[in-house]
Amino acid sequence: MSETLTTFEQAVSRPICPRMGVAGMRWFSGRWAFEYSRMLPVSNQGLVDFVKLHLSASNQAEGLVMVVVMRPGCKPEHVEHVVKLLREMGLQDHVIVGTDRTVVAALGDKRTLDKSAIELAPMVEKCVPILAPFKLASKEVKIEPSVVPIGQHGATLGGSKVGLIAGPCSVEDREMLLETAHAVSEAGAIGLRGGAFKPRTNPYSFQGLGERGLEIMAEARERTGLAVVTEVMSVPQVELIARYADVLQIGTRNMQNFNLLDAVGQTDRPVLLKRGMSATLEEFLLAAEYVINAGNNKVILCERGIRTHETYVRNTLALGIVPAIKRESHLPIIVDPSHGTGHAYLVAPMSKAAIACGADGLIVEVHPNPERAMTDGAQSITPAEFGRLMRELQAVAVAVGRDI
């Protein structure tokens, strides 16, 4: 028996749940604690499930926000110190003792809880948070998938229909953009992509046409009806680009530019948020939380590949994040197979895989002459290839119960 139990008084045994066995309920330093004659689960998920099942007997499971796991050999004063810290944070405590260790369940509604303060306490092994740090982007506030309207002609991303955004990496000139816009529109795209301001790794590379590029894209919208999707790189650009664009794109390098996220969150334009090249799922959704918290709930997530050790692709297209996002969030998520691979020959197969795993759409680079493209020609497909891809994607969409 652990030292923690040596100060317990008034032992009472009762069954908590048939699946968990009998727990001894003991009075400990001004509160009831529960002692199980079994080892507690080792894995985080197993431990959380055990604690939730325990709390469900008293209808408290929904209030669980964190499980504090004490180190083996902890003393009553160590548990008491953790309990004191939790109460100072406005949380309730629930002490559970196993044959191998003690845990303290924290109950309340403290999403912004700083678990580091608890982890620094003596004899604390770890803290397992229950609530995701993102709330507005999570399914806790909205279970049904969000459908985000884009443009002025009823196009949407999310729901049962899959939408495609297509166009060149950069707006190079008027003739090229209008030719591409007409081609992708006739093939069935709902949006036109194209960079007027381009963030380039090399400062000597083509940086885009600026406002002239935005004017050309606006003309293409008037001629085709396609929604204009273009990147905003800095806070001062937001107002200018919002005058021309239907969707404001945040690129991978700016996913954690929090001032920029706040600025686009104060507009009424949908925001296409690309995943940072090294960002975790949690960081990705927290970036979306910034935009929503600023007042704009029209957020579209975009998986565009992450940086790994592989050299046969420009980035590694981590399609597993699509169903993972669907599990955690109500926001629509699309995939960029162009940046996600860096090679035109991989765009079609990865596009099909993206739709098959649940993506709400694609954003694809299309150029009438990829060999002469000023940016990203190696990952651009031709209008003819895009038309063929649209036909092939229709079959995939139908197979998974969707439409394009």
Protein backbone atom coordinates (compact mmCIF):
# COMPACT_ATOMS: atom_id res chain seq x y z
CA MET A 1 0.00 0.00 0.00
CA SER A 2 1.37 3.45 -0.92
CA GLU A 3 2.41 5.98 1.69
CA THR A 4 -0.47 8.18 0.51
CA LEU A 5 -2.92 5.73 2.07
CA THR A 6 -1.28 5.65 5.48
CA THR A 7 -3.10 8.83 6.50
CA PHE A 8 -6.48 7.72 5.19
CA GLU A 9 -9.38 7.22 7.58
CA GLN A 10 -12.91 5.79 7.30
CA ALA A 11 -12.42 3.14 4.62
CA VAL A 12 -15.61 2.19 2.77
CA SER A 13 -15.60 -0.28 -0.13
CA ARG A 14 -18.15 -0.06 -2.92
CA PRO A 15 -18.36 -1.00 -6.62
CA ILE A 16 -17.82 1.97 -8.93
CA CYS A 17 -18.32 0.16 -12.23
CA PRO A 18 -18.44 -3.58 -13.07
CA ARG A 19 -15.66 -3.09 -15.63
CA MET A 20 -13.39 -1.40 -13.07
CA GLY A 21 -13.92 -3.50 -9.96
CA VAL A 22 -14.39 -2.38 -6.38
CA ALA A 23 -12.93 0.85 -5.08
CA GLY A 24 -12.32 1.73 -1.47
CA MET A 25 -13.63 5.23 -0.74
CA ARG A 26 -11.52 6.84 1.98
CA TRP A 27 -11.48 10.21 3.70
CA PHE A 28 -8.21 11.95 2.99
CA SER A 29 -7.20 15.36 4.31
CA GLY A 30 -10.63 16.92 4.00
CA ARG A 31 -11.82 15.13 0.87
CA TRP A 32 -12.93 11.73 -0.38
CA ALA A 33 -10.39 9.71 -2.36
CA PHE A 34 -10.89 6.43 -4.19
CA GLU A 35 -8.54 3.46 -3.84
CA TYR A 36 -8.52 0.70 -6.47
CA SER A 37 -6.93 -2.68 -5.80
CA ARG A 38 -5.48 -2.70 -9.31
CA MET A 39 -2.83 -0.96 -11.36
CA LEU A 40 -3.93 2.12 -13.28
CA PRO A 41 -3.55 2.15 -17.09
CA VAL A 42 -0.15 3.23 -18.42
CA SER A 43 -1.00 4.90 -21.73
CA ASN A 44 -2.42 8.42 -21.73
CA GLN A 45 -5.58 7.38 -23.59
CA GLY A 46 -6.09 4.33 -21.41
CA LEU A 47 -5.70 6.43 -18.28
CA VAL A 48 -8.11 9.10 -19.53
CA ASP A 49 -10.69 6.46 -20.44
CA PHE A 50 -10.33 4.88 -16.99
CA VAL A 51 -10.79 8.22 -15.20
CA LYS A 52 -13.77 9.16 -17.38
CA LEU A 53 -15.40 5.82 -16.68
CA HIS A 54 -14.77 6.32 -12.96
CA LEU A 55 -16.25 9.83 -13.03
CA SER A 56 -19.28 8.73 -15.06
CA ALA A 57 -20.58 6.99 -11.95
CA SER A 58 -21.20 10.43 -10.45
CA ASN A 59 -22.03 12.18 -13.78
CA GLN A 60 -18.81 14.21 -13.65
CA ALA A 61 -17.02 12.84 -16.73
CA GLU A 62 -17.91 15.80 -18.96
CA GLY A 63 -16.22 18.19 -16.55
CA LEU A 64 -12.80 16.52 -16.79
CA VAL A 65 -10.16 18.92 -18.13
CA MET A 66 -6.90 17.28 -17.06
CA VAL A 67 -5.44 14.23 -15.33
CA VAL A 68 -2.40 14.82 -13.13
CA VAL A 69 -0.29 11.68 -12.79
CA MET A 70 1.84 11.49 -9.64
CA ARG A 71 5.15 9.64 -9.50
CA PRO A 72 5.35 6.32 -7.66
CA GLY A 73 6.19 6.87 -4.00
CA CYS A 74 4.54 10.28 -3.74
CA LYS A 75 3.58 11.37 -0.24
CA PRO A 76 0.31 12.89 0.99
CA GLU A 77 1.84 16.36 1.07
CA HIS A 78 2.71 16.08 -2.64
CA VAL A 79 -0.88 15.23 -3.52
CA GLU A 80 -2.11 17.98 -1.23
CA HIS A 81 0.14 20.53 -2.98
CA VAL A 82 -1.28 19.57 -6.40
CA VAL A 83 -4.82 19.79 -5.04
CA LYS A 84 -4.06 23.26 -3.68
CA LEU A 85 -2.72 24.43 -7.04
CA LEU A 86 -5.78 23.13 -8.86
CA ARG A 87 -8.13 24.84 -6.45
CA GLU A 88 -6.23 28.12 -6.83
CA MET A 89 -6.91 27.80 -10.58
CA GLY A 90 -10.61 27.47 -9.90
CA LEU A 91 -10.74 23.74 -10.58
CA GLN A 92 -12.20 20.87 -8.58
CA ASP A 93 -10.07 17.88 -7.64
CA HIS A 94 -10.78 14.16 -7.54
CA VAL A 95 -8.08 11.89 -6.12
CA ILE A 96 -7.83 8.31 -7.43
CA VAL A 97 -5.32 5.81 -6.02
CA GLY A 98 -4.16 2.59 -7.66
CA THR A 99 -1.75 -0.05 -6.45
CA ASP A 100 1.08 1.54 -8.44
CA ARG A 101 0.38 5.27 -8.46
CA THR A 102 -1.99 8.11 -7.67
CA VAL A 103 -3.74 10.44 -10.10
CA VAL A 104 -5.66 13.64 -9.52
CA ALA A 105 -8.52 14.40 -11.90
CA ALA A 106 -9.06 18.14 -12.46
CA LEU A 107 -12.63 19.19 -13.22
CA GLY A 108 -13.95 22.52 -14.46
CA ASP A 109 -13.89 24.63 -17.62
CA LYS A 110 -10.36 25.92 -17.94
CA ARG A 111 -9.21 25.59 -21.54
CA THR A 112 -6.42 28.11 -21.00
CA LEU A 113 -5.10 26.15 -18.01
CA ASP A 114 -1.30 26.41 -17.78
CA LYS A 115 -0.36 22.81 -17.14
CA SER A 116 3.33 23.73 -16.81
CA ALA A 117 2.64 25.12 -13.33
CA ILE A 118 1.31 21.71 -12.29
CA GLU A 119 4.08 19.76 -14.03
CA LEU A 120 6.69 21.67 -12.01
CA ALA A 121 5.14 20.56 -8.73
CA PRO A 122 7.15 17.99 -6.73
CA MET A 123 6.51 14.32 -7.58
CA VAL A 124 4.30 15.09 -10.60
CA GLU A 125 5.12 12.73 -13.46
CA LYS A 126 3.00 14.34 -16.16
CA CYS A 127 -0.23 16.17 -16.93
CA VAL A 128 -2.63 14.79 -19.52
CA PRO A 129 -4.95 17.53 -20.88
CA ILE A 130 -8.44 16.51 -21.96
CA LEU A 131 -9.74 19.60 -23.71
CA ALA A 132 -8.08 20.64 -26.95
CA PRO A 133 -6.57 24.14 -26.65
CA PHE A 134 -8.60 25.18 -29.69
CA LYS A 135 -12.31 25.59 -29.03
CA LEU A 136 -13.93 27.61 -31.82
CA ALA A 137 -12.31 25.38 -34.45
CA SER A 138 -13.30 22.19 -32.63
CA LYS A 139 -16.39 20.02 -32.78
CA GLU A 140 -17.22 21.02 -29.23
CA VAL A 141 -18.92 24.18 -30.51
CA LYS A 142 -20.14 22.86 -33.87
CA ILE A 143 -20.64 19.18 -34.61
CA GLU A 144 -21.88 19.51 -38.18
CA PRO A 145 -19.22 20.20 -40.85
CA SER A 146 -18.99 23.86 -41.84
CA VAL A 147 -19.71 24.86 -45.42
CA VAL A 148 -17.86 28.00 -46.51
CA PRO A 149 -19.22 30.01 -49.45
CA ILE A 150 -16.61 31.42 -51.83
CA GLY A 151 -17.20 33.94 -54.58
CA GLN A 152 -20.41 35.49 -55.85
CA HIS A 153 -21.99 32.56 -57.67
CA GLY A 154 -22.94 30.13 -54.91
CA ALA A 155 -19.76 28.02 -54.89
CA THR A 156 -18.86 26.40 -51.56
CA LEU A 157 -16.18 24.30 -49.90
CA GLY A 158 -17.33 21.71 -47.38
CA GLY A 159 -20.42 19.55 -47.26
CA SER A 160 -21.13 16.84 -49.81
CA LYS A 161 -19.62 18.55 -52.86
CA VAL A 162 -15.90 18.62 -53.61
CA GLY A 163 -14.59 21.90 -55.03
CA LEU A 164 -11.47 22.58 -57.09
CA ILE A 165 -9.43 25.76 -57.21
CA ALA A 166 -6.96 25.96 -60.06
CA GLY A 167 -4.62 28.38 -61.77
CA PRO A 168 -0.98 29.39 -62.11
CA CYS A 169 1.40 29.85 -59.23
CA SER A 170 1.93 33.49 -60.21
CA VAL A 171 0.03 36.01 -62.28
CA GLU A 172 2.62 36.52 -65.00
CA ASP A 173 0.62 38.49 -67.57
CA ARG A 174 -2.96 39.14 -68.63
CA GLU A 175 -3.05 36.82 -71.64
CA MET A 176 -1.74 33.80 -69.76
CA LEU A 177 -4.07 34.27 -66.79
CA LEU A 178 -7.23 34.77 -68.87
CA GLU A 179 -6.40 31.71 -70.99
CA THR A 180 -5.90 29.59 -67.87
CA ALA A 181 -9.02 30.97 -66.17
CA HIS A 182 -11.26 30.10 -69.12
CA ALA A 183 -9.76 26.61 -69.36
CA VAL A 184 -10.17 25.65 -65.71
CA SER A 185 -13.64 27.20 -65.58
CA GLU A 186 -14.79 25.10 -68.53
CA ALA A 187 -13.35 22.01 -66.81
CA GLY A 188 -15.43 22.64 -63.69
CA ALA A 189 -13.24 24.59 -61.24
CA ILE A 190 -14.97 26.92 -58.77
CA GLY A 191 -11.98 29.12 -57.95
CA LEU A 192 -8.99 30.72 -59.65
CA ARG A 193 -5.67 30.69 -57.83
CA GLY A 194 -2.78 32.99 -58.67
CA GLY A 195 -0.21 34.99 -56.75
CA ALA A 196 -0.02 38.74 -57.24
CA PHE A 197 2.46 39.03 -54.37
CA LYS A 198 4.82 36.08 -54.14
CA PRO A 199 6.90 35.07 -51.10
CA ARG A 200 10.08 33.62 -52.62
CA THR A 201 12.97 31.94 -50.85
CA ASN A 202 15.36 33.58 -53.31
CA PRO A 203 15.13 37.42 -53.16
CA TYR A 204 16.13 37.62 -56.84
CA SER A 205 13.22 35.45 -58.04
CA PHE A 206 10.03 36.83 -59.58
CA GLN A 207 7.99 38.47 -56.81
CA GLY A 208 4.70 38.95 -58.66
CA LEU A 209 2.98 41.86 -60.41
CA GLY A 210 1.51 43.41 -57.27
CA GLU A 211 -1.73 45.36 -57.65
CA ARG A 212 -1.62 44.98 -61.43
CA GLY A 213 -1.84 41.23 -60.88
CA LEU A 214 -4.90 41.70 -58.67
CA GLU A 215 -6.57 43.76 -61.40
CA ILE A 216 -5.97 40.97 -63.92
CA MET A 217 -7.46 38.40 -61.58
CA ALA A 218 -10.51 40.59 -61.00
CA GLU A 219 -10.98 40.80 -64.78
CA ALA A 220 -10.75 37.01 -65.01
CA ARG A 221 -13.49 36.73 -62.38
CA GLU A 222 -15.74 39.03 -64.40
CA ARG A 223 -15.22 36.93 -67.51
CA THR A 224 -15.52 33.46 -65.94
CA GLY A 225 -17.35 33.77 -62.61
CA LEU A 226 -14.52 32.02 -60.78
CA ALA A 227 -13.80 33.06 -57.20
CA VAL A 228 -10.41 34.78 -56.88
CA VAL A 229 -8.03 33.13 -54.40
CA THR A 230 -4.73 34.92 -53.77
CA GLU A 231 -2.13 35.18 -51.04
CA VAL A 232 -1.74 38.02 -48.57
CA MET A 233 1.74 38.29 -47.11
CA SER A 234 1.56 41.13 -44.58
CA VAL A 235 -0.88 43.16 -42.52
CA PRO A 236 -0.61 46.30 -44.70
CA GLN A 237 -1.65 44.23 -47.76
CA VAL A 238 -4.91 42.95 -46.23
CA GLU A 239 -7.10 45.93 -47.09
CA LEU A 240 -5.78 46.19 -50.66
CA ILE A 241 -6.08 42.49 -51.49
CA ALA A 242 -9.52 42.21 -49.85
CA ARG A 243 -10.79 44.79 -52.38
CA TYR A 244 -9.99 42.40 -55.24
CA ALA A 245 -9.99 38.86 -53.85
CA ASP A 246 -12.86 36.59 -52.83
CA VAL A 247 -10.64 34.41 -50.64
CA LEU A 248 -7.56 35.52 -48.70
CA GLN A 249 -4.83 32.89 -48.67
CA ILE A 250 -2.35 32.59 -45.81
CA GLY A 251 0.77 30.78 -47.03
CA THR A 252 2.78 28.17 -45.20
CA ARG A 253 5.44 30.68 -44.06
CA ASN A 254 2.78 32.88 -42.46
CA MET A 255 0.69 30.23 -40.71
CA GLN A 256 1.98 31.49 -37.37
CA ASN A 257 2.14 35.18 -38.27
CA PHE A 258 -0.35 35.98 -35.54
CA ASN A 259 -0.74 39.67 -36.40
CA LEU A 260 -1.64 38.69 -39.95
CA LEU A 261 -4.08 36.00 -38.75
CA ASP A 262 -5.78 38.58 -36.56
CA ALA A 263 -5.95 41.06 -39.45
CA VAL A 264 -7.61 38.66 -41.91
CA GLY A 265 -9.88 37.56 -39.08
CA GLN A 266 -11.28 41.09 -39.00
CA THR A 267 -12.34 40.97 -42.66
CA ASP A 268 -15.46 39.43 -44.14
CA ARG A 269 -13.50 37.38 -46.69
CA PRO A 270 -13.10 33.59 -46.37
CA VAL A 271 -9.56 32.66 -45.33
CA LEU A 272 -7.65 29.78 -46.92
CA LEU A 273 -5.11 28.79 -44.28
CA LYS A 274 -2.21 26.65 -45.44
CA ARG A 275 -0.47 24.37 -42.98
CA GLY A 276 3.01 25.43 -41.93
CA MET A 277 5.70 23.24 -43.43
CA SER A 278 6.68 21.98 -39.97
CA ALA A 279 3.41 22.53 -38.10
CA THR A 280 1.64 19.94 -35.99
CA LEU A 281 -2.10 19.35 -36.21
CA GLU A 282 -2.60 21.24 -32.96
CA GLU A 283 -0.57 24.23 -34.15
CA PHE A 284 -2.51 24.21 -37.43
CA LEU A 285 -5.88 24.36 -35.67
CA LEU A 286 -4.63 26.96 -33.20
CA ALA A 287 -3.73 29.18 -36.15
CA ALA A 288 -7.30 28.76 -37.40
CA GLU A 289 -8.48 29.62 -33.89
CA TYR A 290 -6.73 32.99 -34.17
CA VAL A 291 -8.74 33.86 -37.28
CA ILE A 292 -12.06 32.69 -35.84
CA ASN A 293 -11.41 34.38 -32.50
CA ALA A 294 -10.87 37.67 -34.36
CA GLY A 295 -14.40 37.40 -35.75
CA ASN A 296 -14.15 35.47 -39.01
CA ASN A 297 -15.47 31.89 -38.95
CA LYS A 298 -15.11 31.37 -42.70
CA VAL A 299 -11.86 29.41 -42.49
CA ILE A 300 -10.75 26.77 -45.00
CA LEU A 301 -7.79 24.62 -44.00
CA CYS A 302 -5.27 23.44 -46.59
CA GLU A 303 -2.75 20.61 -46.32
CA ARG A 304 0.20 21.46 -48.59
CA GLY A 305 2.88 19.02 -47.46
CA ILE A 306 5.45 19.11 -44.70
CA ARG A 307 9.26 19.25 -44.67
CA THR A 308 10.87 15.84 -44.21
CA HIS A 309 14.15 14.12 -45.13
CA GLU A 310 12.77 12.89 -48.48
CA THR A 311 14.34 14.26 -51.66
CA TYR A 312 12.18 12.65 -54.36
CA VAL A 313 9.39 15.11 -53.50
CA ARG A 314 9.46 18.82 -52.74
CA ASN A 315 7.38 18.20 -49.61
CA THR A 316 5.80 15.11 -48.07
CA LEU A 317 2.04 15.27 -48.57
CA ALA A 318 0.69 14.09 -45.21
CA LEU A 319 -2.82 13.04 -46.21
CA GLY A 320 -3.39 11.41 -42.83
CA ILE A 321 -4.12 14.86 -41.46
CA VAL A 322 -7.34 15.04 -43.50
CA PRO A 323 -9.33 12.40 -41.57
CA ALA A 324 -7.58 13.52 -38.38
CA ILE A 325 -8.82 17.09 -38.90
CA LYS A 326 -12.28 15.78 -39.71
CA ARG A 327 -12.29 14.03 -36.35
CA GLU A 328 -11.27 17.12 -34.39
CA SER A 329 -12.73 20.06 -36.30
CA HIS A 330 -15.81 21.20 -38.19
CA LEU A 331 -13.74 23.28 -40.62
CA PRO A 332 -13.42 22.17 -44.26
CA ILE A 333 -9.99 21.03 -45.40
CA ILE A 334 -8.61 20.95 -48.94
CA VAL A 335 -5.31 19.60 -50.28
CA ASP A 336 -2.59 21.14 -52.44
CA PRO A 337 -1.03 18.23 -54.39
CA SER A 338 1.17 20.63 -56.38
CA HIS A 339 3.20 22.03 -53.48
CA GLY A 340 2.69 18.76 -51.63
CA THR A 341 4.78 16.85 -54.17
CA GLY A 342 6.61 19.35 -56.38
CA HIS A 343 6.18 17.18 -59.47
CA ALA A 344 3.46 17.38 -62.10
CA TYR A 345 3.34 13.59 -62.59
CA LEU A 346 2.34 13.14 -58.93
CA VAL A 347 -0.49 15.68 -58.95
CA ALA A 348 -3.17 13.40 -60.41
CA PRO A 349 -2.59 10.32 -58.21
CA MET A 350 -2.29 12.39 -55.03
CA SER A 351 -5.41 14.36 -55.97
CA LYS A 352 -7.35 11.13 -56.21
CA ALA A 353 -5.94 9.93 -52.89
CA ALA A 354 -6.90 13.23 -51.26
CA ILE A 355 -10.53 12.97 -52.36
CA ALA A 356 -10.62 9.31 -51.34
CA CYS A 357 -9.51 10.12 -47.79
CA GLY A 358 -12.11 12.85 -47.31
CA ALA A 359 -10.69 16.15 -48.56
CA ASP A 360 -13.32 18.80 -49.31
CA GLY A 361 -11.43 20.09 -52.31
CA LEU A 362 -8.13 20.65 -54.07
CA ILE A 363 -6.03 23.64 -55.04
CA VAL A 364 -3.99 22.75 -58.13
CA GLU A 365 -1.40 24.68 -60.11
CA VAL A 366 -2.32 24.86 -63.82
CA HIS A 367 -0.29 26.66 -66.48
CA PRO A 368 -0.73 26.66 -70.28
CA ASN A 369 3.02 26.21 -70.77
CA PRO A 370 4.68 24.84 -67.61
CA GLU A 371 8.12 24.78 -69.23
CA ARG A 372 8.01 28.57 -69.57
CA ALA A 373 6.34 29.30 -66.20
CA MET A 374 8.11 31.96 -64.17
CA THR A 375 7.41 30.07 -60.93
CA ASP A 376 6.77 26.42 -60.03
CA GLY A 377 6.57 25.09 -63.58
CA ALA A 378 7.78 21.64 -62.50
CA GLN A 379 4.67 21.08 -60.39
CA SER A 380 2.14 22.65 -62.76
CA ILE A 381 -0.13 20.63 -65.04
CA THR A 382 -1.57 21.81 -68.35
CA PRO A 383 -5.21 22.79 -68.89
CA ALA A 384 -5.73 19.57 -70.89
CA GLU A 385 -4.34 17.50 -68.02
CA PHE A 386 -6.55 19.37 -65.58
CA GLY A 387 -9.63 18.61 -67.66
CA ARG A 388 -8.75 14.92 -67.68
CA LEU A 389 -8.10 15.01 -63.94
CA MET A 390 -11.54 16.50 -63.29
CA ARG A 391 -13.19 13.61 -65.12
CA GLU A 392 -11.17 11.05 -63.20
CA LEU A 393 -11.89 12.73 -59.86
CA GLN A 394 -15.62 12.52 -60.50
CA ALA A 395 -15.43 8.72 -60.33
CA VAL A 396 -13.45 8.84 -57.09
CA ALA A 397 -15.89 11.31 -55.52
CA VAL A 398 -18.87 9.14 -56.41
CA ALA A 399 -17.13 6.08 -54.96
CA VAL A 400 -16.88 7.81 -51.56
CA GLY A 401 -20.40 9.20 -51.65
CA ARG A 402 -19.64 12.73 -52.86
CA ASP A 403 -19.87 14.82 -56.00
CA ILE A 404 -17.78 17.44 -57.80
